[in-house]
Amino acid sequence: MNTVTRPRILVVGAGFAGVECVRRLERKLAPDEADVTLVTPFAYQLYLPLLPQVASGVLTPQSIAVSLRRSKKYRTRIIPGGAIGVDLKSKVCVIRTITDRIVNEPYDYIVLATGSITRTFDIPGLTEHAFGMKTLAEAAYIRDHVISQLDLADASDDPAERASRLQFVVVGGGYAGTETAACLQKLTHAAVKRYPRIDPALIKWHLIDIAPKLMPELGDKLGRSAQEILKRRGIDVSLGVSIAKAGPEEVTFTDGRVVPTRTLIWTAGVVASPLIATLDAETVRGRLAVNAEMDLPGHDGVFALGDSGAVPDKAKDDEAAICPPTAQHAMRQGKHVADNVIATLRGKPLTPYVHKDLGLVVDLGGKDAVSKPLGIELRGLPAQVAARGYHWMALRTNVAKVRVATNWTLNALAGDDFVRTGFQARKAATLKDFEFTNAYMTPEQVRAQVEGTDRKEP
């Protein structure tokens, strides 16, 4: 008896791009037309732009983690693990499951939506002592850590210890860093009222960036407005400055200042997942050099998007422009790449991705925000309405929307109880512990694994 196998579509990553791709494939493909598999260590889609609000306690972690298994109609097979290598010639993806088992997953079509990792530099002590803001676990941990610094400072009679526990450093003047500093400063500003032994004047937040401007994508006027809001709150903003070295109790800036601190949060940009390097293919700034249809030239059935693919930005006149790795583009690219995969399956022509940027929103907590929807510059409450309205609409399920709206309302009316959950108490949770960059294979190891000549873990 002859067995006819359906084409196998493998989607790597459950971020904005990957989830939108999978959902589109499920809606538009007939059940017997193809098998769809999703590789992700967590069976939820994380709404990354709201992570600073989880860290500050405005939102609960569950509210921005949208389950991929909520509806019974979804037929995608989910492999719980992370892709650590891809052999383009053999069409095999090597996966490390959450139980550390190495498996080979064959495919006919692969969609690489692997997201990104935190961009770091060769700075002494950075990965050992800095926290990141890329995962739900990191956001929850940072909240516990910041509150614990207040608890410990309140209990201490040592002025030097108090000084180091009550100063906080955030590196990165982009959206993630600015929102993180703004939201966590509001957390400590409100919480210190419950600590009568702590002088509020001792709490100091530092936001530094090597760039000459804060959030340059917003333009000079809005960037300055955001900087003025932060300074008004007492946040020390230093531009043209970075970290020279980091230690467990102090950080040295490149301008020579030494800041006593137990809290260094690093948000100075992102780079494509190390998985991309295992493909041994052409890249642009670390992202796969795909065309406007988001497929990889010279390799049949390979698509990349979001943080993984350097997708040409056809909405701009500049031929060298590539789409920025934002949620706005990733969501739309996910749907579009699904349509192109289906077109490939059905022998139809692929279409290029074109999307004009709709603008940017920055939530600084409370009534403070700066936004630029459709090129219109907004500040204060109107900007906050635009920012939260955009995030609320972008949430994928009605359940998530209700949870987020409820959290916002409760926080506005009742405030926070500043409770530490004890999450990963007494365990390391720095960049070194969360990034897992040593988990990926080299191209040679991938080929050896696929060919079966080396069954050992990397």
Protein backbone atom coordinates (compact mmCIF):
# COMPACT_ATOMS: atom_id res chain seq x y z
CA MET A 1 0.00 0.00 0.00
CA ASN A 2 1.36 3.40 -0.96
CA THR A 3 1.31 5.99 1.80
CA VAL A 4 0.96 9.62 0.76
CA THR A 5 2.49 11.99 3.29
CA ARG A 6 1.27 15.53 3.68
CA PRO A 7 3.75 18.41 3.38
CA ARG A 8 5.31 19.26 6.74
CA ILE A 9 5.38 22.94 7.77
CA LEU A 10 7.61 23.70 10.74
CA VAL A 11 7.27 27.08 12.48
CA VAL A 12 10.10 27.93 14.89
CA GLY A 13 9.15 30.44 17.60
CA ALA A 14 5.90 31.47 19.29
CA GLY A 15 6.35 35.22 19.30
CA PHE A 16 4.21 37.71 17.39
CA ALA A 17 5.40 36.47 13.99
CA GLY A 18 5.28 32.74 14.71
CA VAL A 19 1.85 32.70 16.33
CA GLU A 20 0.24 34.88 13.66
CA CYS A 21 1.73 32.57 11.01
CA VAL A 22 0.43 29.41 12.68
CA ARG A 23 -3.07 30.79 13.21
CA ARG A 24 -3.27 31.91 9.59
CA LEU A 25 -2.12 28.50 8.37
CA GLU A 26 -4.75 26.81 10.51
CA ARG A 27 -7.52 29.02 9.17
CA LYS A 28 -6.60 28.83 5.48
CA LEU A 29 -5.26 25.29 5.03
CA ALA A 30 -7.56 22.31 4.65
CA PRO A 31 -6.98 19.65 7.36
CA ASP A 32 -5.49 17.18 4.86
CA GLU A 33 -3.44 19.79 2.97
CA ALA A 34 -0.43 19.98 5.32
CA ASP A 35 0.81 19.16 8.82
CA VAL A 36 1.75 22.18 10.93
CA THR A 37 4.24 21.93 13.81
CA LEU A 38 5.31 24.70 16.18
CA VAL A 39 8.57 24.62 18.17
CA THR A 40 8.50 26.66 21.38
CA PRO A 41 9.71 26.12 24.94
CA PHE A 42 6.51 27.68 26.32
CA ALA A 43 2.95 27.06 25.11
CA TYR A 44 2.02 30.73 25.22
CA GLN A 45 2.55 33.91 23.28
CA LEU A 46 4.18 36.64 25.36
CA TYR A 47 3.13 40.22 24.73
CA LEU A 48 6.62 41.70 25.16
CA PRO A 49 5.78 45.44 25.09
CA LEU A 50 3.95 45.12 28.41
CA LEU A 51 6.77 43.36 30.30
CA PRO A 52 7.78 46.57 32.17
CA GLN A 53 4.24 46.75 33.56
CA VAL A 54 4.57 43.18 34.84
CA ALA A 55 7.87 44.10 36.48
CA SER A 56 6.25 47.09 38.15
CA GLY A 57 3.19 45.12 39.27
CA VAL A 58 0.64 47.01 37.18
CA LEU A 59 -0.16 43.77 35.31
CA THR A 60 -0.05 40.17 36.48
CA PRO A 61 2.21 37.78 34.52
CA GLN A 62 -0.73 35.67 33.33
CA SER A 63 -2.43 38.65 31.73
CA ILE A 64 0.22 39.02 29.00
CA ALA A 65 0.92 35.31 28.47
CA VAL A 66 -1.70 34.17 25.96
CA SER A 67 -2.16 30.39 25.94
CA LEU A 68 -1.67 28.59 22.63
CA ARG A 69 -3.92 25.73 23.76
CA ARG A 70 -6.97 27.70 24.83
CA SER A 71 -9.14 26.69 21.88
CA LYS A 72 -9.78 23.05 21.04
CA LYS A 73 -10.04 23.80 17.32
CA TYR A 74 -6.30 24.38 16.93
CA ARG A 75 -4.66 21.39 15.31
CA THR A 76 -1.01 22.47 15.36
CA ARG A 77 1.38 20.02 16.98
CA ILE A 78 3.52 21.78 19.59
CA ILE A 79 7.02 20.55 20.40
CA PRO A 80 8.05 21.90 23.83
CA GLY A 81 11.65 22.91 23.30
CA GLY A 82 14.01 25.20 21.45
CA ALA A 83 15.56 24.84 18.01
CA ILE A 84 19.37 24.73 18.32
CA GLY A 85 20.34 24.04 14.71
CA VAL A 86 19.01 23.77 11.15
CA ASP A 87 20.45 21.71 8.29
CA LEU A 88 19.14 23.38 5.13
CA LYS A 89 20.47 20.66 2.83
CA SER A 90 18.80 17.77 4.66
CA LYS A 91 15.77 19.87 5.67
CA VAL A 92 16.06 18.92 9.32
CA CYS A 93 15.72 21.09 12.41
CA VAL A 94 17.58 19.95 15.53
CA ILE A 95 15.59 20.58 18.73
CA ARG A 96 16.49 20.43 22.39
CA THR A 97 13.31 19.62 24.32
CA ILE A 98 12.57 20.98 27.78
CA THR A 99 13.82 17.65 29.15
CA ASP A 100 17.19 18.20 27.38
CA ARG A 101 16.57 15.46 24.80
CA ILE A 102 18.00 16.17 21.33
CA VAL A 103 15.61 15.32 18.47
CA ASN A 104 15.71 15.75 14.69
CA GLU A 105 12.55 17.21 13.17
CA PRO A 106 12.30 16.92 9.36
CA TYR A 107 10.36 19.51 7.41
CA ASP A 108 9.35 20.46 3.88
CA TYR A 109 8.82 24.12 4.69
CA ILE A 110 10.33 25.99 7.63
CA VAL A 111 9.33 29.40 8.97
CA LEU A 112 12.02 30.93 11.16
CA ALA A 113 10.42 33.31 13.65
CA THR A 114 12.94 32.70 16.39
CA GLY A 115 12.88 36.15 17.95
CA SER A 116 15.97 37.70 19.47
CA ILE A 117 18.28 37.67 22.46
CA THR A 118 19.68 40.56 24.46
CA ARG A 119 22.62 42.24 22.78
CA THR A 120 25.61 42.26 25.10
CA PHE A 121 29.19 43.44 24.83
CA ASP A 122 32.49 42.31 26.26
CA ILE A 123 32.09 44.32 29.46
CA PRO A 124 33.64 42.81 32.61
CA GLY A 125 30.96 41.44 34.91
CA LEU A 126 28.02 42.29 32.66
CA THR A 127 26.46 38.88 32.06
CA GLU A 128 27.22 37.76 35.63
CA HIS A 129 25.59 40.72 37.39
CA ALA A 130 23.03 42.32 35.03
CA PHE A 131 19.35 41.44 34.71
CA GLY A 132 17.52 41.38 31.39
CA MET A 133 13.96 42.24 30.41
CA LYS A 134 13.14 39.73 27.68
CA THR A 135 11.11 37.00 29.39
CA LEU A 136 8.18 36.68 31.76
CA ALA A 137 10.43 35.04 34.33
CA GLU A 138 12.89 37.96 34.21
CA ALA A 139 10.12 40.54 34.67
CA ALA A 140 8.67 38.65 37.64
CA TYR A 141 12.11 38.18 39.15
CA ILE A 142 13.05 41.86 38.78
CA ARG A 143 9.87 42.90 40.61
CA ASP A 144 10.75 40.62 43.52
CA HIS A 145 14.35 41.81 43.44
CA VAL A 146 13.49 45.53 43.53
CA ILE A 147 11.05 45.09 46.41
CA SER A 148 13.59 42.96 48.26
CA GLN A 149 16.11 45.82 47.99
CA LEU A 150 13.65 48.07 49.82
CA ASP A 151 13.06 45.40 52.46
CA LEU A 152 16.78 44.87 53.02
CA ALA A 153 17.57 48.59 53.04
CA ASP A 154 14.83 49.16 55.59
CA ALA A 155 16.28 46.43 57.83
CA SER A 156 19.88 47.60 57.53
CA ASP A 157 21.70 50.11 59.74
CA ASP A 158 24.73 50.25 57.43
CA PRO A 159 24.67 53.49 55.38
CA ALA A 160 26.86 51.98 52.63
CA GLU A 161 24.59 48.98 52.23
CA ARG A 162 21.52 51.20 52.14
CA ALA A 163 23.09 53.38 49.45
CA SER A 164 23.85 50.40 47.21
CA ARG A 165 20.42 48.83 47.67
CA LEU A 166 18.52 52.05 46.98
CA GLN A 167 20.25 52.95 43.71
CA PHE A 168 19.12 51.31 40.48
CA VAL A 169 20.76 51.43 37.04
CA VAL A 170 19.01 50.78 33.71
CA VAL A 171 21.16 50.67 30.57
CA GLY A 172 19.40 51.33 27.26
CA GLY A 173 17.53 54.44 26.15
CA GLY A 174 15.21 52.66 23.73
CA TYR A 175 11.59 51.75 24.41
CA ALA A 176 12.34 48.80 26.68
CA GLY A 177 14.86 50.64 28.83
CA THR A 178 12.90 53.88 29.07
CA GLU A 179 9.65 52.16 29.96
CA THR A 180 11.40 49.83 32.42
CA ALA A 181 13.06 52.72 34.25
CA ALA A 182 9.85 54.76 34.26
CA CYS A 183 7.59 51.97 35.49
CA LEU A 184 9.96 50.67 38.16
CA GLN A 185 10.66 54.19 39.43
CA LYS A 186 6.92 54.62 39.99
CA LEU A 187 6.93 51.29 41.84
CA THR A 188 9.67 52.38 44.27
CA HIS A 189 8.21 55.89 44.61
CA ALA A 190 4.88 54.42 45.74
CA ALA A 191 6.35 51.58 47.80
CA VAL A 192 8.74 53.70 49.88
CA LYS A 193 5.74 55.26 51.61
CA ARG A 194 5.33 51.90 53.38
CA TYR A 195 8.92 52.02 54.66
CA PRO A 196 9.13 54.70 57.39
CA ARG A 197 12.84 53.98 58.04
CA ILE A 198 13.85 54.83 54.46
CA ASP A 199 14.41 58.41 53.36
CA PRO A 200 12.76 58.68 49.89
CA ALA A 201 15.58 60.99 48.81
CA LEU A 202 18.00 58.06 49.02
CA ILE A 203 16.23 56.19 46.21
CA LYS A 204 17.91 57.01 42.91
CA TRP A 205 17.24 55.66 39.42
CA HIS A 206 19.80 56.03 36.63
CA LEU A 207 18.97 55.60 32.93
CA ILE A 208 22.03 55.63 30.68
CA ASP A 209 22.62 55.11 26.98
CA ILE A 210 25.63 55.50 24.71
CA ALA A 211 23.42 57.22 22.09
CA PRO A 212 23.17 61.03 22.09
CA LYS A 213 19.34 61.00 22.17
CA LEU A 214 16.62 59.19 24.06
CA MET A 215 14.40 57.09 21.76
CA PRO A 216 15.51 58.83 18.54
CA GLU A 217 12.79 57.03 16.55
CA LEU A 218 10.22 59.30 18.22
CA GLY A 219 11.84 62.44 16.91
CA ASP A 220 13.60 65.25 18.77
CA LYS A 221 10.51 66.86 20.34
CA LEU A 222 8.92 63.72 21.79
CA GLY A 223 12.30 62.35 22.82
CA ARG A 224 12.97 65.53 24.78
CA SER A 225 9.47 65.37 26.28
CA ALA A 226 10.09 61.85 27.53
CA GLN A 227 13.45 62.91 28.97
CA GLU A 228 11.83 65.86 30.77
CA ILE A 229 9.18 63.57 32.28
CA LEU A 230 11.85 61.22 33.60
CA LYS A 231 13.96 64.04 35.03
CA ARG A 232 10.89 65.57 36.69
CA ARG A 233 10.41 62.28 38.49
CA GLY A 234 14.00 62.31 39.70
CA ILE A 235 15.44 59.81 37.24
CA ASP A 236 19.02 60.68 36.31
CA VAL A 237 19.28 60.40 32.52
CA SER A 238 22.84 60.22 31.15
CA LEU A 239 23.39 60.06 27.38
CA GLY A 240 26.67 59.28 25.67
CA VAL A 241 27.49 57.02 28.60
CA SER A 242 27.64 53.26 29.04
CA ILE A 243 29.01 50.68 31.47
CA ALA A 244 32.76 50.12 31.84
CA LYS A 245 32.45 47.25 34.31
CA ALA A 246 29.89 45.72 36.64
CA GLY A 247 30.27 44.14 40.04
CA PRO A 248 27.93 42.65 42.66
CA GLU A 249 27.69 45.93 44.62
CA GLU A 250 28.73 48.69 42.21
CA VAL A 251 28.78 49.70 38.56
CA THR A 252 31.42 51.85 36.86
CA PHE A 253 30.26 54.14 34.06
CA THR A 254 32.43 54.98 31.07
CA ASP A 255 32.61 58.60 32.26
CA GLY A 256 34.39 57.42 35.41
CA ARG A 257 31.49 57.56 37.86
CA VAL A 258 31.14 54.66 40.26
CA VAL A 259 27.56 54.00 41.37
CA PRO A 260 26.95 51.72 44.35
CA THR A 261 24.07 49.43 43.30
CA ARG A 262 22.78 45.87 43.58
CA THR A 263 20.46 46.34 40.57
CA LEU A 264 21.76 46.61 37.00
CA ILE A 265 19.11 46.12 34.31
CA TRP A 266 20.51 45.76 30.77
CA THR A 267 18.17 46.60 27.85
CA ALA A 268 20.71 47.94 25.35
CA GLY A 269 19.24 46.39 22.23
CA VAL A 270 18.72 42.93 20.81
CA VAL A 271 20.29 40.67 18.19
CA ALA A 272 18.87 37.78 16.20
CA SER A 273 18.76 34.36 17.82
CA PRO A 274 22.05 32.38 17.60
CA LEU A 275 20.01 29.77 15.68
CA ILE A 276 20.42 31.90 12.54
CA ALA A 277 24.20 31.37 12.61
CA THR A 278 23.71 27.58 12.45
CA LEU A 279 22.19 27.85 8.96
CA ASP A 280 25.50 28.98 7.45
CA ALA A 281 23.60 31.35 5.14
CA GLU A 282 23.99 35.02 4.18
CA THR A 283 22.94 37.50 6.83
CA VAL A 284 22.35 41.24 7.16
CA ARG A 285 23.18 42.58 10.63
CA GLY A 286 22.76 39.08 12.00
CA ARG A 287 19.38 38.48 10.34
CA LEU A 288 18.85 36.18 7.35
CA ALA A 289 19.09 37.97 4.02
CA VAL A 290 15.61 37.19 2.73
CA ASN A 291 13.79 38.91 -0.10
CA ALA A 292 10.56 40.91 0.10
CA GLU A 293 8.55 37.67 -0.08
CA MET A 294 10.41 36.61 3.09
CA ASP A 295 11.91 33.45 1.55
CA LEU A 296 15.63 32.70 1.51
CA PRO A 297 17.10 32.83 -2.02
CA GLY A 298 18.74 29.59 -3.11
CA HIS A 299 17.01 27.48 -0.46
CA ASP A 300 13.65 25.92 -1.25
CA GLY A 301 10.98 26.22 1.43
CA VAL A 302 12.88 28.45 3.88
CA PHE A 303 11.19 31.59 5.20
CA ALA A 304 12.38 34.07 7.84
CA LEU A 305 10.71 37.11 9.37
CA GLY A 306 10.56 39.33 12.44
CA ASP A 307 13.85 39.42 14.34
CA SER A 308 15.15 36.52 12.23
CA GLY A 309 14.80 37.94 8.72
CA ALA A 310 16.15 41.15 7.23
CA VAL A 311 12.93 41.82 5.33
CA PRO A 312 13.27 44.70 2.81
CA ASP A 313 11.06 47.64 3.76
CA LYS A 314 9.22 48.30 0.51
CA ALA A 315 7.19 51.09 2.12
CA LYS A 316 10.31 53.29 2.10
CA ASP A 317 12.11 54.83 -0.85
CA ASP A 318 15.48 53.61 0.41
CA GLU A 319 16.27 50.33 -1.36
CA ALA A 320 18.63 49.29 1.45
CA ALA A 321 16.02 49.80 4.19
CA ILE A 322 14.90 46.75 6.15
CA CYS A 323 11.89 46.44 8.42
CA PRO A 324 12.66 47.15 12.08
CA PRO A 325 12.16 44.19 14.45
CA THR A 326 8.98 45.56 16.04
CA ALA A 327 5.79 43.80 17.09
CA GLN A 328 3.86 45.85 14.54
CA HIS A 329 5.84 44.41 11.64
CA ALA A 330 6.17 40.92 13.12
CA MET A 331 2.39 40.42 13.44
CA ARG A 332 1.75 41.47 9.86
CA GLN A 333 4.72 39.54 8.51
CA GLY A 334 3.46 36.41 10.26
CA LYS A 335 0.17 36.54 8.39
CA HIS A 336 1.84 37.42 5.12
CA VAL A 337 4.45 34.67 5.29
CA ALA A 338 1.66 32.15 5.99
CA ASP A 339 -0.03 33.28 2.78
CA ASN A 340 3.24 32.83 0.88
CA VAL A 341 3.79 29.35 2.31
CA ILE A 342 0.29 28.41 1.20
CA ALA A 343 0.93 29.94 -2.22
CA THR A 344 4.09 27.82 -2.53
CA LEU A 345 2.12 24.70 -1.59
CA ARG A 346 -0.52 25.45 -4.20
CA GLY A 347 1.89 26.48 -6.93
CA LYS A 348 0.85 30.12 -6.93
CA PRO A 349 3.10 33.21 -7.04
CA LEU A 350 4.38 34.77 -3.83
CA THR A 351 3.66 38.40 -2.96
CA PRO A 352 6.05 40.92 -1.36
CA TYR A 353 5.48 42.25 2.13
CA VAL A 354 4.64 45.96 2.26
CA HIS A 355 3.50 47.82 5.37
CA LYS A 356 3.77 51.49 6.26
CA ASP A 357 4.69 52.04 9.90
CA LEU A 358 1.66 53.21 11.88
CA GLY A 359 3.66 55.00 14.56
CA LEU A 360 5.08 54.41 18.02
CA VAL A 361 3.74 54.50 21.56
CA VAL A 362 5.66 54.75 24.85
CA ASP A 363 3.90 54.19 28.18
CA LEU A 364 5.79 55.84 31.04
CA GLY A 365 3.32 54.81 33.72
CA GLY A 366 0.41 56.64 35.32
CA LYS A 367 -0.76 59.52 33.12
CA ASP A 368 2.67 59.94 31.55
CA ALA A 369 3.26 58.82 27.96
CA VAL A 370 4.53 60.02 24.61
CA SER A 371 3.07 58.62 21.39
CA LYS A 372 3.24 59.19 17.68
CA PRO A 373 0.33 57.35 16.05
CA LEU A 374 0.12 58.00 12.30
CA GLY A 375 2.73 60.75 12.70
CA ILE A 376 0.65 62.74 15.22
CA GLU A 377 2.69 63.77 18.26
CA LEU A 378 0.88 63.26 21.57
CA ARG A 379 1.87 63.82 25.19
CA GLY A 380 0.32 63.19 28.58
CA LEU A 381 -3.13 61.64 28.92
CA PRO A 382 -3.98 61.59 25.17
CA ALA A 383 -0.69 59.78 24.53
CA GLN A 384 -1.45 57.34 27.35
CA VAL A 385 -4.88 56.59 25.90
CA ALA A 386 -3.26 55.96 22.50
CA ALA A 387 -0.52 53.78 24.01
CA ARG A 388 -2.77 51.59 26.11
CA GLY A 389 -5.45 51.49 23.42
CA TYR A 390 -2.90 50.20 20.92
CA HIS A 391 -1.58 47.54 23.30
CA TRP A 392 -5.09 46.49 24.29
CA MET A 393 -6.19 46.08 20.68
CA ALA A 394 -3.04 44.11 19.83
CA LEU A 395 -3.74 41.43 22.45
CA ARG A 396 -4.82 38.33 20.58
CA THR A 397 -7.70 37.01 22.70
CA ASN A 398 -10.69 38.59 24.43
CA VAL A 399 -9.70 36.86 27.66
CA ALA A 400 -6.31 38.60 27.59
CA LYS A 401 -7.98 41.93 26.86
CA VAL A 402 -10.32 41.54 29.84
CA ARG A 403 -7.46 40.57 32.16
CA VAL A 404 -5.30 43.51 31.11
CA ALA A 405 -8.16 46.02 31.33
CA THR A 406 -9.09 44.68 34.77
CA ASN A 407 -5.49 44.91 35.98
CA TRP A 408 -5.19 48.50 34.74
CA THR A 409 -8.44 49.46 36.46
CA LEU A 410 -7.59 47.77 39.77
CA ASN A 411 -4.12 49.31 39.83
CA ALA A 412 -5.50 52.77 39.13
CA LEU A 413 -8.15 52.48 41.85
CA ALA A 414 -6.46 50.42 44.57
CA GLY A 415 -2.73 50.70 43.91
CA ASP A 416 -0.26 47.92 44.74
CA ASP A 417 0.43 45.83 47.84
CA PHE A 418 4.14 45.50 46.93
CA VAL A 419 4.21 41.79 47.69
CA ARG A 420 7.26 39.66 47.00
CA THR A 421 6.28 36.24 45.65
CA GLY A 422 9.63 34.60 46.40
CA PHE A 423 10.02 33.71 42.73
CA GLN A 424 13.35 31.93 42.27
CA ALA A 425 14.41 33.17 45.70
CA ARG A 426 18.13 32.60 46.39
CA LYS A 427 18.70 31.49 42.79
CA ALA A 428 20.70 33.35 40.17
CA ALA A 429 18.62 35.05 37.49
CA THR A 430 21.01 37.26 35.55
CA LEU A 431 21.60 37.53 31.80
CA LYS A 432 24.02 34.62 32.04
CA ASP A 433 21.31 32.41 33.52
CA PHE A 434 18.44 33.33 31.17
CA GLU A 435 19.95 33.69 27.69
CA PHE A 436 21.22 30.06 27.21
CA THR A 437 23.42 31.20 24.31
CA ASN A 438 25.69 28.17 24.78
CA ALA A 439 22.82 25.80 23.90
CA TYR A 440 23.14 26.28 20.12
CA MET A 441 25.13 24.04 17.79
CA THR A 442 27.71 24.99 15.22
CA PRO A 443 26.93 24.21 11.56
CA GLU A 444 29.34 21.27 11.80
CA GLN A 445 27.60 19.89 14.89
CA VAL A 446 24.24 20.21 13.17
CA ARG A 447 25.43 18.19 10.18
CA ALA A 448 26.95 15.56 12.48
CA GLN A 449 23.73 15.29 14.47
CA VAL A 450 21.58 14.96 11.35
CA GLU A 451 23.89 12.40 9.76
CA GLY A 452 23.94 10.41 12.98
CA THR A 453 27.73 10.45 13.37
CA ASP A 454 27.67 12.37 16.64
CA ARG A 455 24.88 11.69 19.09
CA LYS A 456 26.45 13.61 21.94
CA GLU A 457 24.96 16.85 23.17
CA PRO A 458 26.89 20.02 22.32
